[in-house]
Amino acid sequence: MDQLTLDSTDALEGTVRLPGSKSISNRALLIAAMADGSTALHNLLASDDIERMLNALRALGVVIENRDDAWIVHGKGGVLSAEPMDLEFDLGLAGTALRPLIAALTLGSGRFLIDGNARMRERPVADLVDTLRQLGASIDYVGETGYPPVAVHGNGLGSDTATPLQASIRGDTSSQFLTSVLLAAPMMRAPVHIDIIGDLVSKPYVDVTLHVMRQFGAKIERNGWDSFDISPGAYSSPRSFLVEGDASSASYFLAAGAIRGTGVRVYGIGTDSVQGDVAFADTLVQMGAHVERSADSIIVTPGKLQGIDVDLNHIPDAAMTIATLALFAQGSTHIRNVANWRVKETDRLHAMATELRKVGATIDEGPDYLSITPPETLNHAAIDTYGDHRMAMCFSLLALADCGVTINDPNCVAKTFPDYFDVFERLSVRR
């Protein structure tokens, strides 16, 4: 097993320019591929998740060029498979590619086997498939019912009617299911109405979806968080699109700035950001850190960190960083309403509880919450990452403790931030 030991460092200090947002990158790629015209995507994330989407789109005949300052996507001006195709896709662990492609490929013609790795086969897709079937899609489970792999039979979903289409979707498992349906909906001939069953989780990620769709000309109305109405009409290229820096990836550097040192300034997100994870900075303020924001950057400097009791359903990825930062705070931290951690790249509630205990923390793990009480002295530990990039990155903060930390399988960060540990070392200060 590959391991990386991070020796104790005094602080992280300096500036970071963020790689592009994974969520925005894959949304923009898929929409640009269906849009009328060519789109220059700037600051597209270079990672395994994005490579999976690029490979799938190219297999579908989308022409994509990599130039020095942008990726140029020559849109098909319609569905991805106007002519019958028979293709198989391995999307690895890229949920932001696999789920939207299931929906998009129902629009055209052909048979598509959509699969992922062993963990992806444990991540549910039933809510998405059920909703697409309500709209007329033909999708079969190839393995276990409710999970990948699935066979999508493109039947021109929504192309043979102008009668409004209606469907409902559960909102309490993953916002990616709703996002996948929304991304496909403008390509249908008929207006589409989608009702949300239950409380919608990760609402800011849906707002990101709506923002990207509107940049490509989609007309969509959000009726509170209860329903959505999407008008028919093909996507049109804005010609140029800038992918924001990844706000989830920012959380590790911002948290490091809160622990000690002169602070870390992160460029690529700020007051103008459309990503919900910028609210991570608000949680740092609650814990006692000092935060300054501009339109395109955030800087965090240390304060006396205190444990907090907080609902982090709106920022589930960045919430993991709070769980690790809690080790540096006085008192206990209670993170609530994060049941959707269990259907991510790993069961993050169980994984976080297990690894936090290794360093000496007292943990209470519930069905949708995690309580962390730090020990008087943190222990060095070899942290298992479960193939989950965010486990590796959030536990890197233990390099700021006297014990340091060893990260097992550090290369799993390739999913979203391949050079994360190089950047971490560049910012490390040892006095």
Protein backbone atom coordinates (compact mmCIF):
# COMPACT_ATOMS: atom_id res chain seq x y z
CA MET A 1 0.00 0.00 0.00
CA ASP A 2 1.23 3.48 -0.86
CA GLN A 3 1.66 5.74 2.15
CA LEU A 4 2.58 9.36 2.69
CA THR A 5 3.81 10.57 6.06
CA LEU A 6 3.30 14.27 6.75
CA ASP A 7 5.69 15.36 9.47
CA SER A 8 4.58 17.96 11.95
CA THR A 9 4.60 21.44 10.43
CA ASP A 10 4.22 24.75 12.22
CA ALA A 11 1.66 26.25 9.85
CA LEU A 12 0.36 26.57 6.32
CA GLU A 13 0.89 30.08 5.02
CA GLY A 14 0.65 31.83 1.67
CA THR A 15 -1.72 31.79 -1.28
CA VAL A 16 -3.49 29.07 -3.27
CA ARG A 17 -5.15 29.34 -6.66
CA LEU A 18 -7.81 26.67 -6.76
CA PRO A 19 -8.32 24.06 -9.47
CA GLY A 20 -11.72 24.18 -11.14
CA SER A 21 -14.81 22.91 -9.38
CA LYS A 22 -15.51 19.24 -10.07
CA SER A 23 -19.27 19.79 -9.93
CA ILE A 24 -19.22 22.74 -12.30
CA SER A 25 -16.67 21.13 -14.65
CA ASN A 26 -18.74 18.01 -15.37
CA ARG A 27 -22.02 19.93 -15.60
CA ALA A 28 -20.50 22.39 -18.07
CA LEU A 29 -18.87 19.62 -20.14
CA LEU A 30 -22.13 17.70 -20.56
CA ILE A 31 -24.19 20.77 -21.42
CA ALA A 32 -21.54 22.12 -23.83
CA ALA A 33 -21.55 18.75 -25.61
CA MET A 34 -25.30 19.05 -26.27
CA ALA A 35 -25.29 22.79 -26.99
CA ASP A 36 -25.52 24.53 -30.33
CA GLY A 37 -22.08 25.98 -31.07
CA SER A 38 -18.58 25.65 -29.64
CA THR A 39 -17.69 26.53 -26.06
CA ALA A 40 -14.30 27.39 -24.59
CA LEU A 41 -14.24 26.02 -21.03
CA HIS A 42 -11.63 27.82 -18.92
CA ASN A 43 -10.15 26.44 -15.67
CA LEU A 44 -11.65 22.99 -16.26
CA LEU A 45 -10.55 20.67 -13.49
CA ALA A 46 -7.84 18.16 -14.43
CA SER A 47 -8.78 15.04 -12.50
CA ASP A 48 -9.98 11.46 -12.86
CA ASP A 49 -13.67 12.41 -12.60
CA ILE A 50 -13.37 14.89 -15.44
CA GLU A 51 -11.29 12.51 -17.55
CA ARG A 52 -14.09 9.94 -17.26
CA MET A 53 -16.61 12.44 -18.61
CA LEU A 54 -14.26 13.56 -21.40
CA ASN A 55 -13.69 9.96 -22.49
CA ALA A 56 -17.42 9.21 -22.52
CA LEU A 57 -18.27 12.29 -24.56
CA ARG A 58 -15.53 11.56 -27.08
CA ALA A 59 -16.82 7.98 -27.46
CA LEU A 60 -20.19 9.53 -28.28
CA GLY A 61 -18.59 11.52 -31.09
CA VAL A 62 -18.23 14.88 -29.38
CA VAL A 63 -15.19 16.76 -30.71
CA ILE A 64 -13.18 18.21 -27.83
CA GLU A 65 -9.85 20.02 -28.17
CA ASN A 66 -7.37 20.81 -25.42
CA ARG A 67 -5.74 24.16 -26.03
CA ASP A 68 -3.30 26.03 -23.83
CA ASP A 69 -5.85 28.13 -22.00
CA ALA A 70 -9.11 26.21 -22.47
CA TRP A 71 -10.92 23.06 -23.50
CA ILE A 72 -12.93 23.66 -26.68
CA VAL A 73 -16.13 21.59 -26.84
CA HIS A 74 -17.83 21.51 -30.24
CA GLY A 75 -21.44 20.95 -29.29
CA LYS A 76 -23.71 18.57 -31.21
CA GLY A 77 -26.60 21.01 -31.16
CA GLY A 78 -28.86 18.30 -29.85
CA VAL A 79 -28.83 14.84 -28.28
CA LEU A 80 -25.55 12.99 -27.81
CA SER A 81 -26.63 10.01 -29.94
CA ALA A 82 -28.82 11.09 -32.82
CA GLU A 83 -27.94 7.83 -34.61
CA PRO A 84 -28.10 4.40 -32.92
CA MET A 85 -24.96 3.48 -30.95
CA ASP A 86 -23.97 0.51 -28.81
CA LEU A 87 -21.42 1.61 -26.21
CA GLU A 88 -20.15 0.66 -22.76
CA PHE A 89 -18.86 3.19 -20.26
CA ASP A 90 -16.71 2.68 -17.17
CA LEU A 91 -17.17 5.80 -15.08
CA GLY A 92 -15.05 4.61 -12.15
CA LEU A 93 -16.20 6.42 -9.01
CA ALA A 94 -17.33 9.55 -10.86
CA GLY A 95 -20.89 10.07 -9.68
CA THR A 96 -20.99 13.52 -11.32
CA ALA A 97 -20.42 11.76 -14.65
CA LEU A 98 -22.32 8.49 -14.27
CA ARG A 99 -25.63 9.84 -13.04
CA PRO A 100 -26.05 12.75 -15.51
CA LEU A 101 -25.03 10.50 -18.41
CA ILE A 102 -27.78 8.01 -17.50
CA ALA A 103 -30.33 10.79 -17.94
CA ALA A 104 -28.74 12.39 -21.02
CA LEU A 105 -28.47 9.12 -22.92
CA THR A 106 -32.19 8.42 -22.63
CA LEU A 107 -32.72 11.37 -25.01
CA GLY A 108 -31.10 9.84 -28.07
CA SER A 109 -30.87 6.49 -29.80
CA GLY A 110 -28.95 3.32 -28.99
CA ARG A 111 -28.01 1.02 -26.11
CA PHE A 112 -25.57 2.15 -23.45
CA LEU A 113 -24.16 0.06 -20.62
CA ILE A 114 -23.17 2.43 -17.84
CA ASP A 115 -20.97 1.03 -15.09
CA GLY A 116 -18.41 2.06 -12.49
CA ASN A 117 -15.98 0.53 -10.03
CA ALA A 118 -16.86 -1.70 -7.06
CA ARG A 119 -17.77 1.22 -4.79
CA MET A 120 -19.83 2.89 -7.53
CA ARG A 121 -21.86 -0.32 -7.75
CA GLU A 122 -22.77 0.22 -4.09
CA ARG A 123 -24.03 3.77 -4.66
CA PRO A 124 -27.78 3.90 -5.37
CA VAL A 125 -29.34 5.15 -8.58
CA ALA A 126 -32.90 3.90 -8.03
CA ASP A 127 -34.38 7.35 -7.33
CA LEU A 128 -32.95 8.64 -10.61
CA VAL A 129 -34.05 5.61 -12.64
CA ASP A 130 -37.56 5.70 -11.14
CA THR A 131 -38.00 9.35 -12.11
CA LEU A 132 -36.68 8.86 -15.64
CA ARG A 133 -39.05 5.91 -16.09
CA GLN A 134 -41.94 8.19 -15.06
CA LEU A 135 -40.91 10.41 -17.96
CA GLY A 136 -40.89 7.45 -20.36
CA ALA A 137 -37.30 6.25 -20.24
CA SER A 138 -36.28 2.64 -20.85
CA ILE A 139 -33.60 1.61 -18.35
CA ASP A 140 -32.72 -1.89 -17.09
CA TYR A 141 -30.61 -2.96 -14.13
CA VAL A 142 -27.87 -5.31 -15.25
CA GLY A 143 -26.78 -6.32 -11.76
CA GLU A 144 -28.41 -5.62 -8.40
CA THR A 145 -31.69 -3.73 -8.64
CA GLY A 146 -31.27 -0.09 -7.70
CA TYR A 147 -27.54 0.07 -8.42
CA PRO A 148 -25.16 0.30 -11.38
CA PRO A 149 -24.52 -1.12 -13.88
CA VAL A 150 -27.56 -0.07 -15.87
CA ALA A 151 -28.47 -0.47 -19.53
CA VAL A 152 -29.98 2.68 -21.00
CA HIS A 153 -32.07 2.17 -24.14
CA GLY A 154 -32.22 5.54 -25.86
CA ASN A 155 -35.78 6.07 -26.98
CA GLY A 156 -35.79 9.79 -27.70
CA LEU A 157 -37.19 10.62 -24.27
CA GLY A 158 -39.73 13.43 -24.62
CA SER A 159 -39.18 13.79 -28.37
CA ASP A 160 -42.55 12.46 -29.51
CA THR A 161 -44.88 14.70 -27.56
CA ALA A 162 -45.59 18.34 -26.83
CA THR A 163 -47.80 17.38 -23.90
CA PRO A 164 -46.24 18.54 -20.61
CA LEU A 165 -44.33 15.83 -18.80
CA GLN A 166 -44.55 15.34 -15.05
CA ALA A 167 -42.50 13.33 -12.59
CA SER A 168 -41.55 13.25 -8.94
CA ILE A 169 -38.20 12.53 -7.31
CA ARG A 170 -37.05 11.89 -3.77
CA GLY A 171 -34.91 14.70 -2.46
CA ASP A 172 -33.51 13.17 0.71
CA THR A 173 -30.83 10.82 -0.67
CA SER A 174 -28.67 12.81 -3.10
CA SER A 175 -29.14 16.05 -5.01
CA GLN A 176 -27.23 14.46 -7.92
CA PHE A 177 -30.40 12.61 -8.95
CA LEU A 178 -32.37 15.83 -9.37
CA THR A 179 -29.39 17.50 -11.07
CA SER A 180 -29.21 14.68 -13.61
CA VAL A 181 -32.88 15.04 -14.58
CA LEU A 182 -32.64 18.83 -14.70
CA LEU A 183 -29.64 18.74 -17.05
CA ALA A 184 -31.53 16.54 -19.54
CA ALA A 185 -34.92 18.27 -19.29
CA PRO A 186 -34.37 21.26 -21.66
CA MET A 187 -33.59 18.82 -24.49
CA MET A 188 -37.12 17.40 -24.42
CA ARG A 189 -39.81 18.77 -26.74
CA ALA A 190 -42.33 19.16 -23.95
CA PRO A 191 -42.29 21.28 -20.80
CA VAL A 192 -41.21 19.25 -17.77
CA HIS A 193 -42.53 19.59 -14.22
CA ILE A 194 -40.66 17.88 -11.38
CA ASP A 195 -42.03 17.57 -7.85
CA ILE A 196 -39.69 16.99 -4.91
CA ILE A 197 -40.71 14.34 -2.40
CA GLY A 198 -39.45 15.11 1.09
CA ASP A 199 -36.71 17.56 2.01
CA LEU A 200 -34.10 18.22 -0.67
CA VAL A 201 -30.54 17.70 0.58
CA SER A 202 -27.50 19.68 -0.59
CA LYS A 203 -29.62 22.51 -2.00
CA PRO A 204 -26.60 24.69 -2.92
CA TYR A 205 -25.47 22.03 -5.41
CA VAL A 206 -28.82 22.30 -7.16
CA ASP A 207 -28.35 26.06 -7.34
CA VAL A 208 -25.00 25.42 -9.05
CA THR A 209 -26.82 23.22 -11.58
CA LEU A 210 -29.38 25.94 -12.31
CA HIS A 211 -26.64 28.56 -12.67
CA VAL A 212 -24.72 26.52 -15.27
CA MET A 213 -27.90 25.62 -17.18
CA ARG A 214 -28.92 29.26 -17.40
CA GLN A 215 -25.50 30.25 -18.72
CA PHE A 216 -26.29 27.97 -21.67
CA GLY A 217 -29.74 29.49 -22.23
CA ALA A 218 -32.00 27.09 -20.34
CA LYS A 219 -35.29 28.44 -19.02
CA ILE A 220 -36.09 26.98 -15.64
CA GLU A 221 -38.17 28.02 -12.65
CA ARG A 222 -37.56 26.86 -9.10
CA ASN A 223 -40.76 26.94 -7.07
CA GLY A 224 -39.25 27.22 -3.63
CA TRP A 225 -37.69 23.82 -3.07
CA ASP A 226 -40.93 21.96 -3.79
CA SER A 227 -40.89 21.72 -7.59
CA PHE A 228 -39.17 22.79 -10.81
CA ASP A 229 -40.54 23.77 -14.22
CA ILE A 230 -38.27 23.46 -17.26
CA SER A 231 -39.18 24.88 -20.66
CA PRO A 232 -38.21 22.99 -23.83
CA GLY A 233 -35.46 24.41 -26.01
CA ALA A 234 -31.95 23.35 -26.95
CA TYR A 235 -28.90 24.63 -25.10
CA SER A 236 -26.94 27.39 -26.83
CA SER A 237 -23.26 28.04 -26.31
CA PRO A 238 -22.17 31.18 -24.43
CA ARG A 239 -18.92 30.76 -26.43
CA SER A 240 -16.80 31.09 -23.29
CA PHE A 241 -17.39 29.71 -19.80
CA LEU A 242 -15.18 30.08 -16.71
CA VAL A 243 -15.23 27.24 -14.19
CA GLU A 244 -15.01 28.59 -10.65
CA GLY A 245 -12.37 27.28 -8.28
CA ASP A 246 -13.48 24.26 -6.26
CA ALA A 247 -14.93 25.55 -3.00
CA SER A 248 -14.81 22.10 -1.38
CA SER A 249 -11.08 21.87 -2.08
CA ALA A 250 -10.64 25.34 -0.59
CA SER A 251 -11.88 24.10 2.77
CA TYR A 252 -8.63 22.32 3.67
CA PHE A 253 -6.46 25.40 3.19
CA LEU A 254 -8.95 27.71 4.85
CA ALA A 255 -9.14 25.36 7.84
CA ALA A 256 -5.33 25.24 8.03
CA GLY A 257 -5.29 29.02 8.18
CA ALA A 258 -7.66 28.86 11.15
CA ILE A 259 -5.32 26.66 13.20
CA ARG A 260 -2.12 28.69 13.37
CA GLY A 261 0.29 30.84 11.37
CA THR A 262 -0.26 34.06 9.45
CA GLY A 263 -3.12 32.65 7.38
CA VAL A 264 -3.89 31.22 3.96
CA ARG A 265 -5.53 33.19 1.15
CA VAL A 266 -7.43 31.14 -1.41
CA TYR A 267 -8.11 32.56 -4.88
CA GLY A 268 -10.91 31.31 -7.11
CA ILE A 269 -13.85 31.69 -4.73
CA GLY A 270 -15.25 34.65 -2.84
CA THR A 271 -18.32 36.80 -2.41
CA ASP A 272 -19.22 36.32 -6.10
CA SER A 273 -19.07 32.52 -5.92
CA VAL A 274 -22.12 30.45 -6.90
CA GLN A 275 -21.02 27.39 -4.89
CA GLY A 276 -22.66 26.62 -1.60
CA ASP A 277 -19.42 25.43 -0.02
CA VAL A 278 -18.23 29.02 0.33
CA ALA A 279 -20.50 28.95 3.40
CA PHE A 280 -17.71 26.89 4.98
CA ALA A 281 -16.10 30.22 5.85
CA ASP A 282 -19.18 31.12 7.92
CA THR A 283 -18.73 27.95 9.95
CA LEU A 284 -15.09 28.89 10.58
CA VAL A 285 -16.28 32.21 11.96
CA GLN A 286 -18.67 30.34 14.27
CA MET A 287 -15.71 28.34 15.56
CA GLY A 288 -13.68 31.50 16.23
CA ALA A 289 -11.47 31.96 13.17
CA HIS A 290 -10.99 35.32 11.44
CA VAL A 291 -12.24 35.52 7.85
CA GLU A 292 -11.87 38.25 5.23
CA ARG A 293 -13.54 37.99 1.82
CA SER A 294 -13.27 39.70 -1.54
CA ALA A 295 -15.02 39.01 -4.83
CA ASP A 296 -12.53 36.29 -5.82
CA SER A 297 -10.65 35.30 -2.67
CA ILE A 298 -10.99 34.38 1.01
CA ILE A 299 -8.28 34.61 3.68
CA VAL A 300 -8.52 32.89 7.05
CA THR A 301 -6.29 33.63 10.04
CA PRO A 302 -6.26 31.89 13.42
CA GLY A 303 -8.58 32.51 16.32
CA LYS A 304 -9.39 30.63 19.52
CA LEU A 305 -11.30 27.71 18.10
CA GLN A 306 -14.35 26.44 19.99
CA GLY A 307 -16.48 23.39 19.34
CA ILE A 308 -19.91 24.11 17.86
CA ASP A 309 -23.26 22.41 17.30
CA VAL A 310 -24.17 22.88 13.63
CA ASP A 311 -26.40 21.56 10.83
CA LEU A 312 -24.15 21.10 7.77
CA ASN A 313 -26.61 19.46 5.37
CA HIS A 314 -26.02 22.33 2.92
CA ILE A 315 -22.25 21.71 2.68
CA PRO A 316 -21.76 17.96 3.14
CA ASP A 317 -18.33 17.74 1.49
CA ALA A 318 -16.80 20.65 3.41
CA ALA A 319 -18.46 19.34 6.57
CA MET A 320 -15.82 16.60 6.64
CA THR A 321 -13.17 19.28 7.08
CA ILE A 322 -15.04 20.64 10.10
CA ALA A 323 -14.92 17.15 11.61
CA THR A 324 -11.13 17.15 11.41
CA LEU A 325 -10.79 20.80 12.45
CA ALA A 326 -12.76 19.88 15.58
CA LEU A 327 -9.61 18.12 16.80
CA PHE A 328 -8.02 21.56 17.22
CA ALA A 329 -10.98 23.17 19.03
CA GLN A 330 -11.89 23.48 22.70
CA GLY A 331 -14.85 21.31 23.63
CA SER A 332 -17.03 19.05 21.52
CA THR A 333 -18.28 19.63 17.99
CA HIS A 334 -21.62 18.20 16.87
CA ILE A 335 -22.20 17.91 13.09
CA ARG A 336 -25.83 17.22 12.28
CA ASN A 337 -28.07 16.30 9.32
CA VAL A 338 -25.39 14.61 7.20
CA ALA A 339 -27.05 11.26 6.50
CA ASN A 340 -26.10 11.65 2.84
CA TRP A 341 -22.46 11.13 3.86
CA ARG A 342 -23.32 7.43 3.81
CA VAL A 343 -23.91 7.31 0.02
CA LYS A 344 -20.80 9.20 -1.04
CA GLU A 345 -17.48 7.75 -2.26
CA THR A 346 -17.52 5.71 0.94
CA ASP A 347 -19.77 5.63 4.00
CA ARG A 348 -18.24 8.84 5.24
CA LEU A 349 -19.98 8.83 8.62
CA HIS A 350 -18.53 5.46 9.53
CA ALA A 351 -15.15 6.23 7.92
CA MET A 352 -14.75 9.56 9.72
CA ALA A 353 -15.75 8.03 13.05
CA THR A 354 -13.29 5.16 12.63
CA GLU A 355 -10.31 7.31 11.64
CA LEU A 356 -10.95 10.06 14.20
CA ARG A 357 -10.91 7.43 16.94
CA LYS A 358 -7.45 6.33 15.74
CA VAL A 359 -5.97 9.71 16.72
CA GLY A 360 -7.60 9.62 20.16
CA ALA A 361 -10.88 11.48 19.69
CA THR A 362 -14.06 10.42 21.48
CA ILE A 363 -16.75 9.90 18.86
CA ASP A 364 -20.50 9.49 18.88
CA GLU A 365 -21.73 8.31 15.49
CA GLY A 366 -25.44 8.36 14.76
CA PRO A 367 -27.54 7.73 11.67
CA ASP A 368 -27.18 11.35 10.52
CA TYR A 369 -24.74 12.99 12.93
CA LEU A 370 -21.20 12.88 14.26
CA SER A 371 -19.98 14.27 17.58
CA ILE A 372 -16.24 14.79 18.08
CA THR A 373 -14.48 15.45 21.39
CA PRO A 374 -10.73 15.95 20.95
CA PRO A 375 -8.22 14.27 23.28
CA GLU A 376 -5.73 16.22 25.37
CA THR A 377 -2.97 14.91 23.09
CA LEU A 378 -3.46 13.73 19.51
CA ASN A 379 -1.84 10.46 18.43
CA HIS A 380 0.05 9.76 15.24
CA ALA A 381 -1.95 7.32 13.13
CA ALA A 382 -2.01 5.75 9.69
CA ILE A 383 -5.28 7.02 8.25
CA ASP A 384 -7.20 4.74 5.91
CA THR A 385 -8.79 6.74 3.10
CA TYR A 386 -11.23 4.13 1.70
CA GLY A 387 -10.42 5.33 -1.82
CA ASP A 388 -12.06 8.65 -0.89
CA HIS A 389 -10.20 11.78 -1.93
CA ARG A 390 -11.80 13.91 0.77
CA MET A 391 -10.73 11.55 3.55
CA ALA A 392 -7.12 11.99 2.45
CA MET A 393 -7.30 15.77 2.20
CA CYS A 394 -9.18 16.53 5.41
CA PHE A 395 -6.90 14.31 7.52
CA SER A 396 -3.85 16.08 6.08
CA LEU A 397 -4.66 18.82 8.63
CA LEU A 398 -3.15 16.57 11.29
CA ALA A 399 0.25 17.63 9.97
CA LEU A 400 -0.46 20.79 11.97
CA ALA A 401 -0.52 18.75 15.18
CA ASP A 402 2.65 17.77 17.01
CA CYS A 403 2.09 14.12 16.07
CA GLY A 404 1.96 14.47 12.30
CA VAL A 405 0.03 11.90 10.28
CA THR A 406 0.41 9.08 7.76
CA ILE A 407 -2.06 8.94 4.86
CA ASN A 408 -2.73 5.55 3.27
CA ASP A 409 -3.38 5.55 -0.48
CA PRO A 410 -2.67 9.28 -0.88
CA ASN A 411 -3.06 9.07 -4.67
CA CYS A 412 -6.84 8.86 -4.26
CA VAL A 413 -6.76 12.70 -4.37
CA ALA A 414 -6.44 12.34 -8.16
CA LYS A 415 -10.24 12.28 -8.24
CA THR A 416 -10.38 16.06 -7.76
CA PHE A 417 -6.97 17.52 -6.83
CA PRO A 418 -4.05 15.47 -8.22
CA ASP A 419 -1.31 17.79 -6.93
CA TYR A 420 -2.92 18.46 -3.54
CA PHE A 421 -0.01 17.21 -1.48
CA ASP A 422 2.48 19.19 -3.58
CA VAL A 423 0.51 22.35 -2.85
CA PHE A 424 0.27 21.38 0.82
CA GLU A 425 4.05 21.00 1.04
CA ARG A 426 4.63 24.32 -0.74
CA LEU A 427 2.56 26.11 1.88
CA SER A 428 4.10 24.28 4.84
CA VAL A 429 6.23 26.39 7.17
CA ARG A 430 8.69 24.82 9.59
CA ARG A 431 10.37 27.33 11.87
